[in-house]
Amino acid sequence: MPIQAHSGYLDITNEVGLIGIALFILIVLYYLINVKKIPSLSTWVWFIVLPLVGNITETTLFREGSPSQVFFTIAYLLPFALKKESTNQ
């Protein structure tokens, strides 16, 4: 038995099922909607898009220590940090 699928999205589906892949898609869509509201983050969208494209051919997005996972996490959390910072001022 193989330990992982070569497609990252197939791997997500294998590990957490259809509900997991649906939640992942919702997370990405929620991020993209929030980034549209903050124009200064337009460059950071690429830190989400590039790991998503790279995850098509190889499972790297949810593996520990992967640069794709680090970029995805930082880019995903940045709008929330900026939103919190703007409400504190």
PDB file of N, CA and C in Angstrom:
ATOM      1  N   MET A   1       0.831  -1.185   0.000  1.00  0.00           N
ATOM      2  CA  MET A   1       0.000   0.000   0.000  1.00  0.00           C
ATOM      3  C   MET A   1       0.873   1.245   0.000  1.00  0.00           C
ATOM      4  N   PRO A   2       0.567   2.195  -0.829  1.00  0.00           N
ATOM      5  CA  PRO A   2       1.316   3.454  -0.785  1.00  0.00           C
ATOM      6  C   PRO A   2       0.970   4.246   0.472  1.00  0.00           C
ATOM      7  N   ILE A   3       1.941   4.992   0.961  1.00  0.00           N
ATOM      8  CA  ILE A   3       1.706   5.770   2.183  1.00  0.00           C
ATOM      9  C   ILE A   3       1.088   7.128   1.907  1.00  0.00           C
ATOM     10  N   GLN A   4       1.111   7.568   0.646  1.00  0.00           N
ATOM     11  CA  GLN A   4       0.500   8.846   0.304  1.00  0.00           C
ATOM     12  C   GLN A   4       0.143   8.853  -1.173  1.00  0.00           C
ATOM     13  N   ALA A   5      -0.816   9.685  -1.518  1.00  0.00           N
ATOM     14  CA  ALA A   5      -1.152   9.901  -2.920  1.00  0.00           C
ATOM     15  C   ALA A   5      -0.206  10.950  -3.476  1.00  0.00           C
ATOM     16  N   HIS A   6      -0.007  10.968  -4.772  1.00  0.00           N
ATOM     17  CA  HIS A   6       0.892  11.968  -5.343  1.00  0.00           C
ATOM     18  C   HIS A   6       0.200  13.290  -5.582  1.00  0.00           C
ATOM     19  N   SER A   7      -1.103  13.307  -5.566  1.00  0.00           N
ATOM     20  CA  SER A   7      -1.841  14.558  -5.643  1.00  0.00           C
ATOM     21  C   SER A   7      -2.189  14.972  -4.226  1.00  0.00           C
ATOM     22  N   GLY A   8      -1.858  16.204  -3.873  1.00  0.00           N
ATOM     23  CA  GLY A   8      -2.121  16.674  -2.516  1.00  0.00           C
ATOM     24  C   GLY A   8      -3.598  16.677  -2.169  1.00  0.00           C
ATOM     25  N   TYR A   9      -4.435  16.972  -3.156  1.00  0.00           N
ATOM     26  CA  TYR A   9      -5.866  17.038  -2.897  1.00  0.00           C
ATOM     27  C   TYR A   9      -6.463  15.644  -2.764  1.00  0.00           C
ATOM     28  N   LEU A  10      -5.933  14.693  -3.511  1.00  0.00           N
ATOM     29  CA  LEU A  10      -6.346  13.305  -3.338  1.00  0.00           C
ATOM     30  C   LEU A  10      -5.895  12.793  -1.975  1.00  0.00           C
ATOM     31  N   ASP A  11      -4.714  13.227  -1.546  1.00  0.00           N
ATOM     32  CA  ASP A  11      -4.206  12.852  -0.226  1.00  0.00           C
ATOM     33  C   ASP A  11      -5.095  13.414   0.886  1.00  0.00           C
ATOM     34  N   ILE A  12      -5.537  14.660   0.747  1.00  0.00           N
ATOM     35  CA  ILE A  12      -6.445  15.249   1.732  1.00  0.00           C
ATOM     36  C   ILE A  12      -7.747  14.453   1.774  1.00  0.00           C
ATOM     37  N   THR A  13      -8.257  14.110   0.596  1.00  0.00           N
ATOM     38  CA  THR A  13      -9.494  13.336   0.528  1.00  0.00           C
ATOM     39  C   THR A  13      -9.306  11.957   1.148  1.00  0.00           C
ATOM     40  N   ASN A  14      -8.163  11.319   0.918  1.00  0.00           N
ATOM     41  CA  ASN A  14      -7.895  10.006   1.513  1.00  0.00           C
ATOM     42  C   ASN A  14      -7.813  10.073   3.028  1.00  0.00           C
ATOM     43  N   GLU A  15      -7.213  11.138   3.547  1.00  0.00           N
ATOM     44  CA  GLU A  15      -6.981  11.220   4.986  1.00  0.00           C
ATOM     45  C   GLU A  15      -8.195  11.715   5.767  1.00  0.00           C
ATOM     46  N   VAL A  16      -8.919  12.708   5.246  1.00  0.00           N
ATOM     47  CA  VAL A  16     -10.021  13.294   6.022  1.00  0.00           C
ATOM     48  C   VAL A  16     -11.367  13.219   5.317  1.00  0.00           C
ATOM     49  N   GLY A  17     -11.394  12.654   4.125  1.00  0.00           N
ATOM     50  CA  GLY A  17     -12.656  12.434   3.438  1.00  0.00           C
ATOM     51  C   GLY A  17     -13.181  13.655   2.710  1.00  0.00           C
ATOM     52  N   LEU A  18     -14.399  13.499   2.196  1.00  0.00           N
ATOM     53  CA  LEU A  18     -15.015  14.568   1.413  1.00  0.00           C
ATOM     54  C   LEU A  18     -15.332  15.794   2.266  1.00  0.00           C
ATOM     55  N   ILE A  19     -15.670  15.574   3.521  1.00  0.00           N
ATOM     56  CA  ILE A  19     -15.949  16.705   4.410  1.00  0.00           C
ATOM     57  C   ILE A  19     -14.674  17.519   4.631  1.00  0.00           C
ATOM     58  N   GLY A  20     -13.552  16.856   4.777  1.00  0.00           N
ATOM     59  CA  GLY A  20     -12.278  17.549   4.962  1.00  0.00           C
ATOM     60  C   GLY A  20     -11.879  18.367   3.760  1.00  0.00           C
ATOM     61  N   ILE A  21     -12.033  17.815   2.560  1.00  0.00           N
ATOM     62  CA  ILE A  21     -11.686  18.581   1.358  1.00  0.00           C
ATOM     63  C   ILE A  21     -12.656  19.737   1.165  1.00  0.00           C
ATOM     64  N   ALA A  22     -13.929  19.535   1.536  1.00  0.00           N
ATOM     65  CA  ALA A  22     -14.910  20.628   1.446  1.00  0.00           C
ATOM     66  C   ALA A  22     -14.550  21.752   2.410  1.00  0.00           C
ATOM     67  N   LEU A  23     -14.138  21.409   3.628  1.00  0.00           N
ATOM     68  CA  LEU A  23     -13.720  22.425   4.596  1.00  0.00           C
ATOM     69  C   LEU A  23     -12.462  23.156   4.129  1.00  0.00           C
ATOM     70  N   PHE A  24     -11.546  22.434   3.524  1.00  0.00           N
ATOM     71  CA  PHE A  24     -10.334  23.057   2.996  1.00  0.00           C
ATOM     72  C   PHE A  24     -10.685  24.060   1.904  1.00  0.00           C
ATOM     73  N   ILE A  25     -11.588  23.695   1.015  1.00  0.00           N
ATOM     74  CA  ILE A  25     -12.018  24.608  -0.051  1.00  0.00           C
ATOM     75  C   ILE A  25     -12.685  25.843   0.549  1.00  0.00           C
ATOM     76  N   LEU A  26     -13.503  25.650   1.580  1.00  0.00           N
ATOM     77  CA  LEU A  26     -14.142  26.789   2.242  1.00  0.00           C
ATOM     78  C   LEU A  26     -13.122  27.716   2.892  1.00  0.00           C
ATOM     79  N   ILE A  27     -12.082  27.149   3.477  1.00  0.00           N
ATOM     80  CA  ILE A  27     -11.021  27.956   4.092  1.00  0.00           C
ATOM     81  C   ILE A  27     -10.335  28.822   3.042  1.00  0.00           C
ATOM     82  N   VAL A  28     -10.012  28.241   1.899  1.00  0.00           N
ATOM     83  CA  VAL A  28      -9.340  28.987   0.837  1.00  0.00           C
ATOM     84  C   VAL A  28     -10.261  30.070   0.283  1.00  0.00           C
ATOM     85  N   LEU A  29     -11.529  29.758   0.061  1.00  0.00           N
ATOM     86  CA  LEU A  29     -12.479  30.752  -0.441  1.00  0.00           C
ATOM     87  C   LEU A  29     -12.671  31.893   0.553  1.00  0.00           C
ATOM     88  N   TYR A  30     -12.758  31.570   1.839  1.00  0.00           N
ATOM     89  CA  TYR A  30     -12.898  32.595   2.875  1.00  0.00           C
ATOM     90  C   TYR A  30     -11.694  33.531   2.875  1.00  0.00           C
ATOM     91  N   TYR A  31     -10.510  32.961   2.703  1.00  0.00           N
ATOM     92  CA  TYR A  31      -9.289  33.768   2.647  1.00  0.00           C
ATOM     93  C   TYR A  31      -9.332  34.718   1.448  1.00  0.00           C
ATOM     94  N   LEU A  32      -9.678  34.184   0.287  1.00  0.00           N
ATOM     95  CA  LEU A  32      -9.691  35.011  -0.919  1.00  0.00           C
ATOM     96  C   LEU A  32     -10.717  36.135  -0.822  1.00  0.00           C
ATOM     97  N   ILE A  33     -11.844  35.876  -0.191  1.00  0.00           N
ATOM     98  CA  ILE A  33     -12.855  36.923   0.002  1.00  0.00           C
ATOM     99  C   ILE A  33     -12.332  37.998   0.947  1.00  0.00           C
ATOM    100  N   ASN A  34     -11.652  37.604   2.031  1.00  0.00           N
ATOM    101  CA  ASN A  34     -11.096  38.576   2.976  1.00  0.00           C
ATOM    102  C   ASN A  34      -9.978  39.402   2.361  1.00  0.00           C
ATOM    103  N   VAL A  35      -9.170  38.803   1.505  1.00  0.00           N
ATOM    104  CA  VAL A  35      -8.055  39.525   0.901  1.00  0.00           C
ATOM    105  C   VAL A  35      -8.569  40.575  -0.077  1.00  0.00           C
ATOM    106  N   LYS A  36      -9.697  40.327  -0.728  1.00  0.00           N
ATOM    107  CA  LYS A  36     -10.265  41.332  -1.634  1.00  0.00           C
ATOM    108  C   LYS A  36     -10.621  42.613  -0.879  1.00  0.00           C
ATOM    109  N   LYS A  37     -10.942  42.499   0.407  1.00  0.00           N
ATOM    110  CA  LYS A  37     -11.317  43.658   1.212  1.00  0.00           C
ATOM    111  C   LYS A  37     -10.099  44.473   1.646  1.00  0.00           C
ATOM    112  N   ILE A  38      -8.905  43.873   1.592  1.00  0.00           N
ATOM    113  CA  ILE A  38      -7.675  44.548   2.012  1.00  0.00           C
ATOM    114  C   ILE A  38      -6.744  44.632   0.799  1.00  0.00           C
ATOM    115  N   PRO A  39      -6.776  45.722   0.046  1.00  0.00           N
ATOM    116  CA  PRO A  39      -5.987  45.814  -1.195  1.00  0.00           C
ATOM    117  C   PRO A  39      -4.482  45.706  -0.997  1.00  0.00           C
ATOM    118  N   SER A  40      -3.979  46.070   0.159  1.00  0.00           N
ATOM    119  CA  SER A  40      -2.531  46.022   0.376  1.00  0.00           C
ATOM    120  C   SER A  40      -2.005  44.587   0.454  1.00  0.00           C
ATOM    121  N   LEU A  41      -2.886  43.606   0.532  1.00  0.00           N
ATOM    122  CA  LEU A  41      -2.462  42.210   0.625  1.00  0.00           C
ATOM    123  C   LEU A  41      -2.478  41.488  -0.714  1.00  0.00           C
ATOM    124  N   SER A  42      -2.604  42.205  -1.808  1.00  0.00           N
ATOM    125  CA  SER A  42      -2.707  41.541  -3.113  1.00  0.00           C
ATOM    126  C   SER A  42      -1.471  40.705  -3.437  1.00  0.00           C
ATOM    127  N   THR A  43      -0.311  41.096  -2.967  1.00  0.00           N
ATOM    128  CA  THR A  43       0.899  40.308  -3.198  1.00  0.00           C
ATOM    129  C   THR A  43       0.888  39.012  -2.403  1.00  0.00           C
ATOM    130  N   TRP A  44       0.309  39.037  -1.220  1.00  0.00           N
ATOM    131  CA  TRP A  44       0.288  37.857  -0.364  1.00  0.00           C
ATOM    132  C   TRP A  44      -0.602  36.748  -0.902  1.00  0.00           C
ATOM    133  N   VAL A  45      -1.488  37.079  -1.829  1.00  0.00           N
ATOM    134  CA  VAL A  45      -2.340  36.048  -2.427  1.00  0.00           C
ATOM    135  C   VAL A  45      -1.480  34.997  -3.115  1.00  0.00           C
ATOM    136  N   TRP A  46      -0.349  35.424  -3.685  1.00  0.00           N
ATOM    137  CA  TRP A  46       0.519  34.464  -4.361  1.00  0.00           C
ATOM    138  C   TRP A  46       1.131  33.453  -3.398  1.00  0.00           C
ATOM    139  N   PHE A  47       1.280  33.820  -2.135  1.00  0.00           N
ATOM    140  CA  PHE A  47       1.803  32.875  -1.153  1.00  0.00           C
ATOM    141  C   PHE A  47       0.775  31.812  -0.801  1.00  0.00           C
ATOM    142  N   ILE A  48      -0.466  32.028  -1.195  1.00  0.00           N
ATOM    143  CA  ILE A  48      -1.510  31.007  -1.066  1.00  0.00           C
ATOM    144  C   ILE A  48      -1.658  30.255  -2.379  1.00  0.00           C
ATOM    145  N   VAL A  49      -1.667  30.974  -3.483  1.00  0.00           N
ATOM    146  CA  VAL A  49      -1.921  30.361  -4.791  1.00  0.00           C
ATOM    147  C   VAL A  49      -0.794  29.403  -5.192  1.00  0.00           C
ATOM    148  N   LEU A  50       0.442  29.803  -5.025  1.00  0.00           N
ATOM    149  CA  LEU A  50       1.555  28.951  -5.454  1.00  0.00           C
ATOM    150  C   LEU A  50       1.612  27.618  -4.704  1.00  0.00           C
ATOM    151  N   PRO A  51       1.460  27.579  -3.375  1.00  0.00           N
ATOM    152  CA  PRO A  51       1.400  26.268  -2.720  1.00  0.00           C
ATOM    153  C   PRO A  51       0.191  25.431  -3.165  1.00  0.00           C
ATOM    154  N   LEU A  52      -0.928  26.103  -3.462  1.00  0.00           N
ATOM    155  CA  LEU A  52      -2.098  25.360  -3.927  1.00  0.00           C
ATOM    156  C   LEU A  52      -1.839  24.717  -5.284  1.00  0.00           C
ATOM    157  N   VAL A  53      -1.150  25.426  -6.164  1.00  0.00           N
ATOM    158  CA  VAL A  53      -0.811  24.869  -7.479  1.00  0.00           C
ATOM    159  C   VAL A  53       0.223  23.749  -7.321  1.00  0.00           C
ATOM    160  N   GLY A  54       1.221  23.962  -6.497  1.00  0.00           N
ATOM    161  CA  GLY A  54       2.236  22.941  -6.268  1.00  0.00           C
ATOM    162  C   GLY A  54       1.688  21.689  -5.611  1.00  0.00           C
ATOM    163  N   ASN A  55       0.612  21.836  -4.880  1.00  0.00           N
ATOM    164  CA  ASN A  55       0.001  20.707  -4.193  1.00  0.00           C
ATOM    165  C   ASN A  55      -0.738  19.780  -5.162  1.00  0.00           C
ATOM    166  N   ILE A  56      -0.928  20.206  -6.392  1.00  0.00           N
ATOM    167  CA  ILE A  56      -1.592  19.353  -7.387  1.00  0.00           C
ATOM    168  C   ILE A  56      -0.718  18.146  -7.713  1.00  0.00           C
ATOM    169  N   THR A  57       0.576  18.360  -7.853  1.00  0.00           N
ATOM    170  CA  THR A  57       1.455  17.274  -8.281  1.00  0.00           C
ATOM    171  C   THR A  57       2.154  16.553  -7.142  1.00  0.00           C
ATOM    172  N   GLU A  58       2.292  17.179  -6.008  1.00  0.00           N
ATOM    173  CA  GLU A  58       3.003  16.562  -4.880  1.00  0.00           C
ATOM    174  C   GLU A  58       2.347  16.988  -3.583  1.00  0.00           C
ATOM    175  N   THR A  59       2.296  16.080  -2.642  1.00  0.00           N
ATOM    176  CA  THR A  59       1.694  16.375  -1.350  1.00  0.00           C
ATOM    177  C   THR A  59       2.703  17.117  -0.486  1.00  0.00           C
ATOM    178  N   THR A  60       2.625  18.447  -0.495  1.00  0.00           N
ATOM    179  CA  THR A  60       3.563  19.237   0.306  1.00  0.00           C
ATOM    180  C   THR A  60       2.851  20.190   1.253  1.00  0.00           C
ATOM    181  N   LEU A  61       1.605  20.478   0.998  1.00  0.00           N
ATOM    182  CA  LEU A  61       0.925  21.545   1.720  1.00  0.00           C
ATOM    183  C   LEU A  61       0.741  21.230   3.204  1.00  0.00           C
ATOM    184  N   PHE A  62       0.441  20.003   3.547  1.00  0.00           N
ATOM    185  CA  PHE A  62       0.183  19.668   4.936  1.00  0.00           C
ATOM    186  C   PHE A  62       1.238  18.734   5.522  1.00  0.00           C
ATOM    187  N   ARG A  63       2.448  18.828   5.037  1.00  0.00           N
ATOM    188  CA  ARG A  63       3.564  18.064   5.594  1.00  0.00           C
ATOM    189  C   ARG A  63       4.434  18.984   6.436  1.00  0.00           C
ATOM    190  N   GLU A  64       4.852  18.504   7.585  1.00  0.00           N
ATOM    191  CA  GLU A  64       5.653  19.329   8.495  1.00  0.00           C
ATOM    192  C   GLU A  64       6.955  19.773   7.857  1.00  0.00           C
ATOM    193  N   GLY A  65       7.304  21.038   8.085  1.00  0.00           N
ATOM    194  CA  GLY A  65       8.581  21.566   7.635  1.00  0.00           C
ATOM    195  C   GLY A  65       8.641  21.924   6.164  1.00  0.00           C
ATOM    196  N   SER A  66       7.572  21.730   5.452  1.00  0.00           N
ATOM    197  CA  SER A  66       7.548  22.055   4.030  1.00  0.00           C
ATOM    198  C   SER A  66       7.452  23.570   3.857  1.00  0.00           C
ATOM    199  N   PRO A  67       8.241  24.154   2.957  1.00  0.00           N
ATOM    200  CA  PRO A  67       8.128  25.599   2.723  1.00  0.00           C
ATOM    201  C   PRO A  67       6.722  25.997   2.264  1.00  0.00           C
ATOM    202  N   SER A  68       6.068  25.143   1.507  1.00  0.00           N
ATOM    203  CA  SER A  68       4.696  25.433   1.066  1.00  0.00           C
ATOM    204  C   SER A  68       3.768  25.591   2.257  1.00  0.00           C
ATOM    205  N   GLN A  69       3.934  24.739   3.231  1.00  0.00           N
ATOM    206  CA  GLN A  69       3.081  24.791   4.421  1.00  0.00           C
ATOM    207  C   GLN A  69       3.356  26.060   5.214  1.00  0.00           C
ATOM    208  N   VAL A  70       4.600  26.466   5.313  1.00  0.00           N
ATOM    209  CA  VAL A  70       4.962  27.680   6.044  1.00  0.00           C
ATOM    210  C   VAL A  70       4.395  28.916   5.337  1.00  0.00           C
ATOM    211  N   PHE A  71       4.579  29.001   4.019  1.00  0.00           N
ATOM    212  CA  PHE A  71       4.038  30.132   3.250  1.00  0.00           C
ATOM    213  C   PHE A  71       2.524  30.199   3.369  1.00  0.00           C
ATOM    214  N   PHE A  72       1.879  29.053   3.239  1.00  0.00           N
ATOM    215  CA  PHE A  72       0.417  29.001   3.310  1.00  0.00           C
ATOM    216  C   PHE A  72      -0.071  29.487   4.675  1.00  0.00           C
ATOM    217  N   THR A  73       0.552  29.026   5.734  1.00  0.00           N
ATOM    218  CA  THR A  73       0.135  29.397   7.085  1.00  0.00           C
ATOM    219  C   THR A  73       0.337  30.887   7.353  1.00  0.00           C
ATOM    220  N   ILE A  74       1.500  31.406   6.998  1.00  0.00           N
ATOM    221  CA  ILE A  74       1.772  32.833   7.231  1.00  0.00           C
ATOM    222  C   ILE A  74       0.832  33.710   6.416  1.00  0.00           C
ATOM    223  N   ALA A  75       0.665  33.376   5.141  1.00  0.00           N
ATOM    224  CA  ALA A  75      -0.207  34.174   4.283  1.00  0.00           C
ATOM    225  C   ALA A  75      -1.657  34.081   4.730  1.00  0.00           C
ATOM    226  N   TYR A  76      -2.064  32.933   5.270  1.00  0.00           N
ATOM    227  CA  TYR A  76      -3.439  32.786   5.722  1.00  0.00           C
ATOM    228  C   TYR A  76      -3.700  33.600   6.987  1.00  0.00           C
ATOM    229  N   LEU A  77      -2.745  33.659   7.891  1.00  0.00           N
ATOM    230  CA  LEU A  77      -2.941  34.359   9.156  1.00  0.00           C
ATOM    231  C   LEU A  77      -2.743  35.872   9.048  1.00  0.00           C
ATOM    232  N   LEU A  78      -2.048  36.344   8.034  1.00  0.00           N
ATOM    233  CA  LEU A  78      -1.746  37.764   7.899  1.00  0.00           C
ATOM    234  C   LEU A  78      -2.980  38.668   7.849  1.00  0.00           C
ATOM    235  N   PRO A  79      -4.031  38.365   7.071  1.00  0.00           N
ATOM    236  CA  PRO A  79      -5.198  39.265   7.071  1.00  0.00           C
ATOM    237  C   PRO A  79      -5.864  39.373   8.437  1.00  0.00           C
ATOM    238  N   PHE A  80      -5.865  38.283   9.190  1.00  0.00           N
ATOM    239  CA  PHE A  80      -6.469  38.319  10.516  1.00  0.00           C
ATOM    240  C   PHE A  80      -5.649  39.186  11.468  1.00  0.00           C
ATOM    241  N   ALA A  81      -4.331  39.135  11.342  1.00  0.00           N
ATOM    242  CA  ALA A  81      -3.460  39.968  12.175  1.00  0.00           C
ATOM    243  C   ALA A  81      -3.637  41.443  11.832  1.00  0.00           C
ATOM    244  N   LEU A  82      -3.726  41.744  10.551  1.00  0.00           N
ATOM    245  CA  LEU A  82      -3.908  43.134  10.144  1.00  0.00           C
ATOM    246  C   LEU A  82      -5.282  43.665  10.544  1.00  0.00           C
ATOM    247  N   LYS A  83      -6.293  42.807  10.487  1.00  0.00           N
ATOM    248  CA  LYS A  83      -7.635  43.222  10.870  1.00  0.00           C
ATOM    249  C   LYS A  83      -7.681  43.528  12.372  1.00  0.00           C
ATOM    250  N   LYS A  84      -7.025  42.696  13.171  1.00  0.00           N
ATOM    251  CA  LYS A  84      -6.981  42.908  14.606  1.00  0.00           C
ATOM    252  C   LYS A  84      -6.200  44.173  14.937  1.00  0.00           C
ATOM    253  N   GLU A  85      -5.089  44.390  14.219  1.00  0.00           N
ATOM    254  CA  GLU A  85      -4.266  45.584  14.451  1.00  0.00           C
ATOM    255  C   GLU A  85      -5.040  46.849  14.107  1.00  0.00           C
ATOM    256  N   SER A  86      -5.823  46.831  13.039  1.00  0.00           N
ATOM    257  CA  SER A  86      -6.582  48.028  12.660  1.00  0.00           C
ATOM    258  C   SER A  86      -7.727  48.303  13.607  1.00  0.00           C
ATOM    259  N   THR A  87      -8.285  47.288  14.261  1.00  0.00           N
ATOM    260  CA  THR A  87      -9.354  47.523  15.234  1.00  0.00           C
ATOM    261  C   THR A  87      -8.799  48.028  16.561  1.00  0.00           C
ATOM    262  N   ASN A  88      -7.541  47.750  16.872  1.00  0.00           N
ATOM    263  CA  ASN A  88      -6.936  48.214  18.119  1.00  0.00           C
ATOM    264  C   ASN A  88      -6.556  49.687  18.055  1.00  0.00           C
ATOM    265  N   GLN A  89      -6.374  50.241  16.886  1.00  0.00           N
ATOM    266  CA  GLN A  89      -5.942  51.627  16.767  1.00  0.00           C
ATOM    267  C   GLN A  89      -7.092  52.576  16.768  1.00  0.00           C
TER     268      GLN A  89
END
